[in-house]
Amino acid sequence: MMDATANPRTLLLLGGTSDIAQAIAEAYAAESPELTVILAARPTERREQAAARLSAVGATVRQVDFDATDAAGHAATIEAAFGDGDVDLAVVAFGLLGDPEAAWQDAEEARALAEVNYAAPVHVGVMLADRMRTQGHGEIVVLSSVAGERIRRSNFVYGSTKAGLDGFYRGLGEALRGSGVRVLVVRPGFVRSKMTAGLKAAPLAVSPAQVAAAVVDGVRTGRSVIWVPRQFRLVMGVLKLVPQPIFRKLPF
């Protein structure tokens, strides 16, 4: 019997205009001529362009409204996404990078990062887990970041939100054990995308397509956490052992 998670026929993208989310959908569409993608994002021209891009590679696309900052509307988004039946795979791909210096000096900037990068993913994560437990199968893929593993002074507000996100979804995966629902936490390094346009690429930078390939492999092999690229697992393991006085002097 075909594994509906490893070979999804219905894919939900929360934050569907993100480059990584689009690349994940394209990777699955290349293998499945019957893939349905539920594109959850704000109703903008970017969403229309994303839908057209996925339709062009053979996916059937259904658009639903989603705004991370509208907590009152999240339930309606999830209801609409599951309205036509089961969702095999859900990707939580929305987030803000923000201005790292403004984020610790401007209370509203800090609040926005915390809301979009942590509070909203937790809110929808609980709803996704509930719906997938009811249907008896499914997988939630969440885009975390290596920035949350050892938080740096240069982007500590962003890093702290990713640390919280990461911890919640790791715990959610444990709580869901035995339910038929799995969680995959994805920890990329620097990804060359719209979100990082204009920033100097960090070492071990990857493309959205490379992240997507790692996600497909991680889902199929039943992993709970992956680093992209894989070398980051060793790099972060070493950095966690570096004393803070030395860590703060490192050139990144």
C-alpha atoms as a PDB file:
ATOM      1  CA  MET A   1       0.000   0.000   0.000  1.00  0.00           C
ATOM      2  CA  MET A   2       1.391   3.399  -0.977  1.00  0.00           C
ATOM      3  CA  ASP A   3       2.483   5.610   1.915  1.00  0.00           C
ATOM      4  CA  ALA A   4       0.355   8.752   1.581  1.00  0.00           C
ATOM      5  CA  THR A   5       2.916  10.770   3.523  1.00  0.00           C
ATOM      6  CA  ALA A   6       6.002   9.694   1.586  1.00  0.00           C
ATOM      7  CA  ASN A   7       4.045  10.019  -1.670  1.00  0.00           C
ATOM      8  CA  PRO A   8       1.539  12.786  -0.910  1.00  0.00           C
ATOM      9  CA  ARG A   9      -1.387  13.414  -3.178  1.00  0.00           C
ATOM     10  CA  THR A  10      -2.489  16.473  -1.202  1.00  0.00           C
ATOM     11  CA  LEU A  11       0.054  19.041  -0.065  1.00  0.00           C
ATOM     12  CA  LEU A  12      -0.762  22.089   2.070  1.00  0.00           C
ATOM     13  CA  LEU A  13       1.618  25.035   1.934  1.00  0.00           C
ATOM     14  CA  LEU A  14       1.102  27.506   4.775  1.00  0.00           C
ATOM     15  CA  GLY A  15       3.093  30.457   3.527  1.00  0.00           C
ATOM     16  CA  GLY A  16       2.734  29.191   0.000  1.00  0.00           C
ATOM     17  CA  THR A  17       4.512  32.077  -1.707  1.00  0.00           C
ATOM     18  CA  SER A  18       7.844  31.276  -0.041  1.00  0.00           C
ATOM     19  CA  ASP A  19      10.580  30.087  -2.378  1.00  0.00           C
ATOM     20  CA  ILE A  20      11.244  26.998  -0.260  1.00  0.00           C
ATOM     21  CA  ALA A  21       7.566  26.044  -0.104  1.00  0.00           C
ATOM     22  CA  GLN A  22       7.304  26.405  -3.871  1.00  0.00           C
ATOM     23  CA  ALA A  23      10.412  24.276  -4.388  1.00  0.00           C
ATOM     24  CA  ILE A  24       9.018  21.521  -2.140  1.00  0.00           C
ATOM     25  CA  ALA A  25       5.772  21.495  -4.113  1.00  0.00           C
ATOM     26  CA  GLU A  26       7.669  21.370  -7.407  1.00  0.00           C
ATOM     27  CA  ALA A  27       9.759  18.446  -6.177  1.00  0.00           C
ATOM     28  CA  TYR A  28       6.635  16.441  -5.365  1.00  0.00           C
ATOM     29  CA  ALA A  29       4.829  17.545  -8.538  1.00  0.00           C
ATOM     30  CA  ALA A  30       7.715  16.224 -10.629  1.00  0.00           C
ATOM     31  CA  GLU A  31       6.978  12.747  -9.267  1.00  0.00           C
ATOM     32  CA  SER A  32       3.187  12.843  -9.028  1.00  0.00           C
ATOM     33  CA  PRO A  33       0.953  13.879 -11.930  1.00  0.00           C
ATOM     34  CA  GLU A  34      -2.037  13.888  -9.565  1.00  0.00           C
ATOM     35  CA  LEU A  35      -0.659  16.210  -6.870  1.00  0.00           C
ATOM     36  CA  THR A  36      -3.070  18.757  -5.403  1.00  0.00           C
ATOM     37  CA  VAL A  37      -1.410  21.761  -3.777  1.00  0.00           C
ATOM     38  CA  ILE A  38      -3.397  23.875  -1.334  1.00  0.00           C
ATOM     39  CA  LEU A  39      -1.750  27.266  -1.496  1.00  0.00           C
ATOM     40  CA  ALA A  40      -2.423  29.141   1.744  1.00  0.00           C
ATOM     41  CA  ALA A  41      -1.286  32.757   1.669  1.00  0.00           C
ATOM     42  CA  ARG A  42      -2.608  36.279   1.552  1.00  0.00           C
ATOM     43  CA  PRO A  43      -4.641  37.047  -1.610  1.00  0.00           C
ATOM     44  CA  THR A  44      -1.978  38.989  -3.500  1.00  0.00           C
ATOM     45  CA  GLU A  45      -0.391  39.031  -6.922  1.00  0.00           C
ATOM     46  CA  ARG A  46       2.440  36.944  -5.459  1.00  0.00           C
ATOM     47  CA  ARG A  47      -0.038  34.211  -4.599  1.00  0.00           C
ATOM     48  CA  GLU A  48      -1.431  34.274  -8.131  1.00  0.00           C
ATOM     49  CA  GLN A  49       2.089  34.001  -9.523  1.00  0.00           C
ATOM     50  CA  ALA A  50       2.875  31.112  -7.175  1.00  0.00           C
ATOM     51  CA  ALA A  51      -0.292  29.318  -8.230  1.00  0.00           C
ATOM     52  CA  ALA A  52       0.565  29.778 -11.898  1.00  0.00           C
ATOM     53  CA  ARG A  53       4.078  28.467 -11.308  1.00  0.00           C
ATOM     54  CA  LEU A  54       2.779  25.282  -9.708  1.00  0.00           C
ATOM     55  CA  SER A  55       0.052  24.802 -12.311  1.00  0.00           C
ATOM     56  CA  ALA A  56       2.757  25.009 -14.976  1.00  0.00           C
ATOM     57  CA  VAL A  57       4.502  21.955 -13.531  1.00  0.00           C
ATOM     58  CA  GLY A  58       1.289  19.920 -13.517  1.00  0.00           C
ATOM     59  CA  ALA A  59      -0.090  20.393 -10.028  1.00  0.00           C
ATOM     60  CA  THR A  60      -3.757  21.044  -9.343  1.00  0.00           C
ATOM     61  CA  VAL A  61      -3.762  24.224  -7.253  1.00  0.00           C
ATOM     62  CA  ARG A  62      -6.375  25.356  -4.783  1.00  0.00           C
ATOM     63  CA  GLN A  63      -5.960  28.743  -3.115  1.00  0.00           C
ATOM     64  CA  VAL A  64      -7.085  29.576   0.412  1.00  0.00           C
ATOM     65  CA  ASP A  65      -6.583  32.762   2.403  1.00  0.00           C
ATOM     66  CA  PHE A  66      -4.018  32.772   5.192  1.00  0.00           C
ATOM     67  CA  ASP A  67      -2.502  35.623   7.169  1.00  0.00           C
ATOM     68  CA  ALA A  68      -0.085  34.687   9.949  1.00  0.00           C
ATOM     69  CA  THR A  69      -0.934  37.884  11.842  1.00  0.00           C
ATOM     70  CA  ASP A  70      -4.682  37.160  11.813  1.00  0.00           C
ATOM     71  CA  ALA A  71      -4.993  34.608  14.611  1.00  0.00           C
ATOM     72  CA  ALA A  72      -8.790  34.791  14.491  1.00  0.00           C
ATOM     73  CA  GLY A  73      -8.702  33.628  10.865  1.00  0.00           C
ATOM     74  CA  HIS A  74      -6.401  30.626  11.289  1.00  0.00           C
ATOM     75  CA  ALA A  75      -9.191  28.181  12.069  1.00  0.00           C
ATOM     76  CA  ALA A  76     -11.023  29.159   8.881  1.00  0.00           C
ATOM     77  CA  THR A  77      -7.825  28.592   6.880  1.00  0.00           C
ATOM     78  CA  ILE A  78      -7.358  25.096   8.291  1.00  0.00           C
ATOM     79  CA  GLU A  79     -11.042  24.303   7.798  1.00  0.00           C
ATOM     80  CA  ALA A  80     -10.830  25.387   4.155  1.00  0.00           C
ATOM     81  CA  ALA A  81      -7.621  23.441   3.593  1.00  0.00           C
ATOM     82  CA  PHE A  82      -9.186  20.192   4.860  1.00  0.00           C
ATOM     83  CA  GLY A  83     -12.564  20.976   3.322  1.00  0.00           C
ATOM     84  CA  ASP A  84     -12.157  18.641   0.357  1.00  0.00           C
ATOM     85  CA  GLY A  85     -10.691  15.726   2.307  1.00  0.00           C
ATOM     86  CA  ASP A  86      -7.444  14.547   3.857  1.00  0.00           C
ATOM     87  CA  VAL A  87      -4.201  16.496   3.729  1.00  0.00           C
ATOM     88  CA  ASP A  88      -1.233  14.143   3.469  1.00  0.00           C
ATOM     89  CA  LEU A  89       1.563  16.648   4.024  1.00  0.00           C
ATOM     90  CA  ALA A  90       1.499  20.171   5.475  1.00  0.00           C
ATOM     91  CA  VAL A  91       4.452  22.554   5.213  1.00  0.00           C
ATOM     92  CA  VAL A  92       4.693  25.422   7.704  1.00  0.00           C
ATOM     93  CA  ALA A  93       6.829  27.799   5.668  1.00  0.00           C
ATOM     94  CA  PHE A  94       5.956  31.346   6.683  1.00  0.00           C
ATOM     95  CA  GLY A  95       8.236  33.638   8.639  1.00  0.00           C
ATOM     96  CA  LEU A  96       9.949  37.004   8.943  1.00  0.00           C
ATOM     97  CA  LEU A  97      13.656  37.752   8.953  1.00  0.00           C
ATOM     98  CA  GLY A  98      13.216  41.336  10.104  1.00  0.00           C
ATOM     99  CA  ASP A  99      15.822  43.997  10.781  1.00  0.00           C
ATOM    100  CA  PRO A 100      18.144  42.493  13.413  1.00  0.00           C
ATOM    101  CA  GLU A 101      19.077  45.805  15.024  1.00  0.00           C
ATOM    102  CA  ALA A 102      15.568  47.233  14.997  1.00  0.00           C
ATOM    103  CA  ALA A 103      14.231  43.991  16.452  1.00  0.00           C
ATOM    104  CA  TRP A 104      15.821  44.476  19.868  1.00  0.00           C
ATOM    105  CA  GLN A 105      15.236  48.246  20.028  1.00  0.00           C
ATOM    106  CA  ASP A 106      11.745  48.560  18.562  1.00  0.00           C
ATOM    107  CA  ALA A 107       9.077  46.800  20.606  1.00  0.00           C
ATOM    108  CA  GLU A 108       6.677  46.474  17.663  1.00  0.00           C
ATOM    109  CA  GLU A 109       9.369  44.969  15.449  1.00  0.00           C
ATOM    110  CA  ALA A 110      10.139  42.435  18.177  1.00  0.00           C
ATOM    111  CA  ARG A 111       6.452  41.643  18.657  1.00  0.00           C
ATOM    112  CA  ALA A 112       5.950  41.098  14.915  1.00  0.00           C
ATOM    113  CA  LEU A 113       8.827  38.627  14.734  1.00  0.00           C
ATOM    114  CA  ALA A 114       7.567  36.733  17.776  1.00  0.00           C
ATOM    115  CA  GLU A 115       4.016  36.625  16.422  1.00  0.00           C
ATOM    116  CA  VAL A 116       4.834  35.481  12.893  1.00  0.00           C
ATOM    117  CA  ASN A 117       7.791  33.200  13.646  1.00  0.00           C
ATOM    118  CA  TYR A 118       6.568  31.594  16.870  1.00  0.00           C
ATOM    119  CA  ALA A 119       3.013  32.316  18.041  1.00  0.00           C
ATOM    120  CA  ALA A 120       1.333  31.772  14.657  1.00  0.00           C
ATOM    121  CA  PRO A 121       3.205  28.527  13.843  1.00  0.00           C
ATOM    122  CA  VAL A 122       2.297  27.165  17.282  1.00  0.00           C
ATOM    123  CA  HIS A 123      -1.348  28.149  16.762  1.00  0.00           C
ATOM    124  CA  VAL A 124      -1.675  26.473  13.375  1.00  0.00           C
ATOM    125  CA  GLY A 125       0.510  23.556  14.473  1.00  0.00           C
ATOM    126  CA  VAL A 126      -1.979  22.557  17.166  1.00  0.00           C
ATOM    127  CA  MET A 127      -4.801  22.781  14.622  1.00  0.00           C
ATOM    128  CA  LEU A 128      -2.914  20.713  12.036  1.00  0.00           C
ATOM    129  CA  ALA A 129      -2.090  18.054  14.602  1.00  0.00           C
ATOM    130  CA  ASP A 130      -5.741  17.818  15.624  1.00  0.00           C
ATOM    131  CA  ARG A 131      -6.991  17.423  12.053  1.00  0.00           C
ATOM    132  CA  MET A 132      -4.314  14.897  11.105  1.00  0.00           C
ATOM    133  CA  ARG A 133      -4.934  12.815  14.232  1.00  0.00           C
ATOM    134  CA  THR A 134      -8.601  12.710  13.266  1.00  0.00           C
ATOM    135  CA  GLN A 135      -7.803  11.496   9.751  1.00  0.00           C
ATOM    136  CA  GLY A 136      -5.252   9.030  11.170  1.00  0.00           C
ATOM    137  CA  HIS A 137      -2.233   9.948   9.077  1.00  0.00           C
ATOM    138  CA  GLY A 138      -0.146  12.835   7.791  1.00  0.00           C
ATOM    139  CA  GLU A 139       3.067  14.731   8.299  1.00  0.00           C
ATOM    140  CA  ILE A 140       3.845  18.299   9.307  1.00  0.00           C
ATOM    141  CA  VAL A 141       7.062  19.790   7.937  1.00  0.00           C
ATOM    142  CA  VAL A 142       8.221  22.988   9.632  1.00  0.00           C
ATOM    143  CA  LEU A 143      10.989  25.280   8.434  1.00  0.00           C
ATOM    144  CA  SER A 144      13.168  26.073  11.417  1.00  0.00           C
ATOM    145  CA  SER A 145      16.739  27.403  11.169  1.00  0.00           C
ATOM    146  CA  VAL A 146      20.248  26.752  12.432  1.00  0.00           C
ATOM    147  CA  ALA A 147      19.957  30.310  13.826  1.00  0.00           C
ATOM    148  CA  GLY A 148      17.937  28.852  16.680  1.00  0.00           C
ATOM    149  CA  GLU A 149      20.536  26.272  17.731  1.00  0.00           C
ATOM    150  CA  ARG A 150      23.161  28.681  19.087  1.00  0.00           C
ATOM    151  CA  ILE A 151      21.756  32.189  19.171  1.00  0.00           C
ATOM    152  CA  ARG A 152      24.094  34.921  17.934  1.00  0.00           C
ATOM    153  CA  ARG A 153      24.202  38.558  18.976  1.00  0.00           C
ATOM    154  CA  SER A 154      23.844  39.601  15.326  1.00  0.00           C
ATOM    155  CA  ASN A 155      20.260  38.293  15.007  1.00  0.00           C
ATOM    156  CA  PHE A 156      19.265  37.141  18.474  1.00  0.00           C
ATOM    157  CA  VAL A 157      15.588  38.135  18.305  1.00  0.00           C
ATOM    158  CA  TYR A 158      15.087  36.147  15.100  1.00  0.00           C
ATOM    159  CA  GLY A 159      17.186  33.308  16.490  1.00  0.00           C
ATOM    160  CA  SER A 160      15.130  33.183  19.670  1.00  0.00           C
ATOM    161  CA  THR A 161      11.886  32.852  17.710  1.00  0.00           C
ATOM    162  CA  LYS A 162      13.334  29.965  15.712  1.00  0.00           C
ATOM    163  CA  ALA A 163      14.571  28.304  18.893  1.00  0.00           C
ATOM    164  CA  GLY A 164      11.036  28.429  20.290  1.00  0.00           C
ATOM    165  CA  LEU A 165       9.517  27.192  17.028  1.00  0.00           C
ATOM    166  CA  ASP A 166      12.011  24.357  16.861  1.00  0.00           C
ATOM    167  CA  GLY A 167      11.352  23.297  20.439  1.00  0.00           C
ATOM    168  CA  PHE A 168       7.587  23.318  20.017  1.00  0.00           C
ATOM    169  CA  TYR A 169       7.590  21.173  16.883  1.00  0.00           C
ATOM    170  CA  ARG A 170      10.141  18.726  18.296  1.00  0.00           C
ATOM    171  CA  GLY A 171       7.827  18.297  21.272  1.00  0.00           C
ATOM    172  CA  LEU A 172       4.777  18.034  19.036  1.00  0.00           C
ATOM    173  CA  GLY A 173       6.428  15.213  17.138  1.00  0.00           C
ATOM    174  CA  GLU A 174       6.995  13.344  20.384  1.00  0.00           C
ATOM    175  CA  ALA A 175       3.425  13.947  21.529  1.00  0.00           C
ATOM    176  CA  LEU A 176       2.092  12.566  18.232  1.00  0.00           C
ATOM    177  CA  ARG A 177       4.056   9.324  18.353  1.00  0.00           C
ATOM    178  CA  GLY A 178       1.761   6.374  17.744  1.00  0.00           C
ATOM    179  CA  SER A 179      -1.000   8.510  16.240  1.00  0.00           C
ATOM    180  CA  GLY A 180      -0.032   7.983  12.597  1.00  0.00           C
ATOM    181  CA  VAL A 181       1.093  11.619  12.348  1.00  0.00           C
ATOM    182  CA  ARG A 182       4.752  12.636  12.098  1.00  0.00           C
ATOM    183  CA  VAL A 183       6.636  15.917  12.335  1.00  0.00           C
ATOM    184  CA  LEU A 184       9.812  16.858  10.459  1.00  0.00           C
ATOM    185  CA  VAL A 185      11.824  19.849  11.679  1.00  0.00           C
ATOM    186  CA  VAL A 186      14.030  21.323   8.944  1.00  0.00           C
ATOM    187  CA  ARG A 187      17.078  23.362   9.993  1.00  0.00           C
ATOM    188  CA  PRO A 188      18.559  25.127   6.969  1.00  0.00           C
ATOM    189  CA  GLY A 189      21.458  27.513   7.068  1.00  0.00           C
ATOM    190  CA  PHE A 190      21.545  30.491   4.715  1.00  0.00           C
ATOM    191  CA  VAL A 191      19.105  29.950   1.832  1.00  0.00           C
ATOM    192  CA  ARG A 192      19.447  32.047  -1.321  1.00  0.00           C
ATOM    193  CA  SER A 193      15.858  33.263  -1.703  1.00  0.00           C
ATOM    194  CA  LYS A 194      13.640  36.335  -1.841  1.00  0.00           C
ATOM    195  CA  MET A 195      13.811  36.500   1.947  1.00  0.00           C
ATOM    196  CA  THR A 196      17.609  36.885   1.932  1.00  0.00           C
ATOM    197  CA  ALA A 197      17.941  38.983  -1.236  1.00  0.00           C
ATOM    198  CA  GLY A 198      20.567  41.677  -0.780  1.00  0.00           C
ATOM    199  CA  LEU A 199      22.326  39.879   2.095  1.00  0.00           C
ATOM    200  CA  LYS A 200      25.809  38.465   1.809  1.00  0.00           C
ATOM    201  CA  ALA A 201      25.608  34.688   1.511  1.00  0.00           C
ATOM    202  CA  ALA A 202      26.979  32.841   4.526  1.00  0.00           C
ATOM    203  CA  PRO A 203      29.200  29.736   4.284  1.00  0.00           C
ATOM    204  CA  LEU A 204      27.377  26.548   3.259  1.00  0.00           C
ATOM    205  CA  ALA A 205      24.597  28.550   1.590  1.00  0.00           C
ATOM    206  CA  VAL A 206      22.015  26.478  -0.266  1.00  0.00           C
ATOM    207  CA  SER A 207      19.219  26.979  -2.780  1.00  0.00           C
ATOM    208  CA  PRO A 208      15.491  26.395  -2.182  1.00  0.00           C
ATOM    209  CA  ALA A 209      15.729  23.356  -4.471  1.00  0.00           C
ATOM    210  CA  GLN A 210      18.413  21.835  -2.241  1.00  0.00           C
ATOM    211  CA  VAL A 211      16.219  22.335   0.822  1.00  0.00           C
ATOM    212  CA  ALA A 212      13.295  20.760  -1.034  1.00  0.00           C
ATOM    213  CA  ALA A 213      15.331  17.693  -1.996  1.00  0.00           C
ATOM    214  CA  ALA A 214      16.389  17.256   1.635  1.00  0.00           C
ATOM    215  CA  VAL A 215      12.767  17.554   2.790  1.00  0.00           C
ATOM    216  CA  VAL A 216      11.551  14.905   0.339  1.00  0.00           C
ATOM    217  CA  ASP A 217      14.316  12.571   1.506  1.00  0.00           C
ATOM    218  CA  GLY A 218      13.664  13.360   5.177  1.00  0.00           C
ATOM    219  CA  VAL A 219       9.962  12.602   4.857  1.00  0.00           C
ATOM    220  CA  ARG A 220      10.552   9.347   3.027  1.00  0.00           C
ATOM    221  CA  THR A 221      13.158   8.108   5.483  1.00  0.00           C
ATOM    222  CA  GLY A 222      11.032   8.994   8.522  1.00  0.00           C
ATOM    223  CA  ARG A 223      13.427  11.553   9.963  1.00  0.00           C
ATOM    224  CA  SER A 224      12.334  13.906  12.746  1.00  0.00           C
ATOM    225  CA  VAL A 225      15.074  16.536  12.241  1.00  0.00           C
ATOM    226  CA  ILE A 226      17.304  17.375   9.275  1.00  0.00           C
ATOM    227  CA  TRP A 227      20.031  19.972   8.696  1.00  0.00           C
ATOM    228  CA  VAL A 228      20.513  21.539   5.264  1.00  0.00           C
ATOM    229  CA  PRO A 229      23.222  21.051   4.250  1.00  0.00           C
ATOM    230  CA  ARG A 230      24.016  18.007   6.376  1.00  0.00           C
ATOM    231  CA  GLN A 231      27.391  19.427   7.415  1.00  0.00           C
ATOM    232  CA  PHE A 232      25.563  21.883   9.665  1.00  0.00           C
ATOM    233  CA  ARG A 233      24.816  19.084  12.125  1.00  0.00           C
ATOM    234  CA  LEU A 234      28.541  18.793  12.872  1.00  0.00           C
ATOM    235  CA  VAL A 235      29.155  22.542  12.663  1.00  0.00           C
ATOM    236  CA  MET A 236      26.411  23.368  15.157  1.00  0.00           C
ATOM    237  CA  GLY A 237      27.465  20.530  17.427  1.00  0.00           C
ATOM    238  CA  VAL A 238      30.910  22.097  17.683  1.00  0.00           C
ATOM    239  CA  LEU A 239      29.613  25.663  18.061  1.00  0.00           C
ATOM    240  CA  LYS A 240      27.420  24.647  20.985  1.00  0.00           C
ATOM    241  CA  LEU A 241      30.589  23.714  22.880  1.00  0.00           C
ATOM    242  CA  VAL A 242      32.396  27.013  22.255  1.00  0.00           C
ATOM    243  CA  PRO A 243      32.540  29.196  25.402  1.00  0.00           C
ATOM    244  CA  GLN A 244      30.550  32.424  25.103  1.00  0.00           C
ATOM    245  CA  PRO A 245      33.591  34.772  25.381  1.00  0.00           C
ATOM    246  CA  ILE A 246      35.104  33.037  22.356  1.00  0.00           C
ATOM    247  CA  PHE A 247      31.787  32.586  20.536  1.00  0.00           C
ATOM    248  CA  ARG A 248      31.058  36.324  20.578  1.00  0.00           C
ATOM    249  CA  LYS A 249      34.363  37.006  18.782  1.00  0.00           C
ATOM    250  CA  LEU A 250      33.656  34.652  15.900  1.00  0.00           C
ATOM    251  CA  PRO A 251      33.278  36.508  12.545  1.00  0.00           C
ATOM    252  CA  PHE A 252      29.598  35.919  11.745  1.00  0.00           C
END
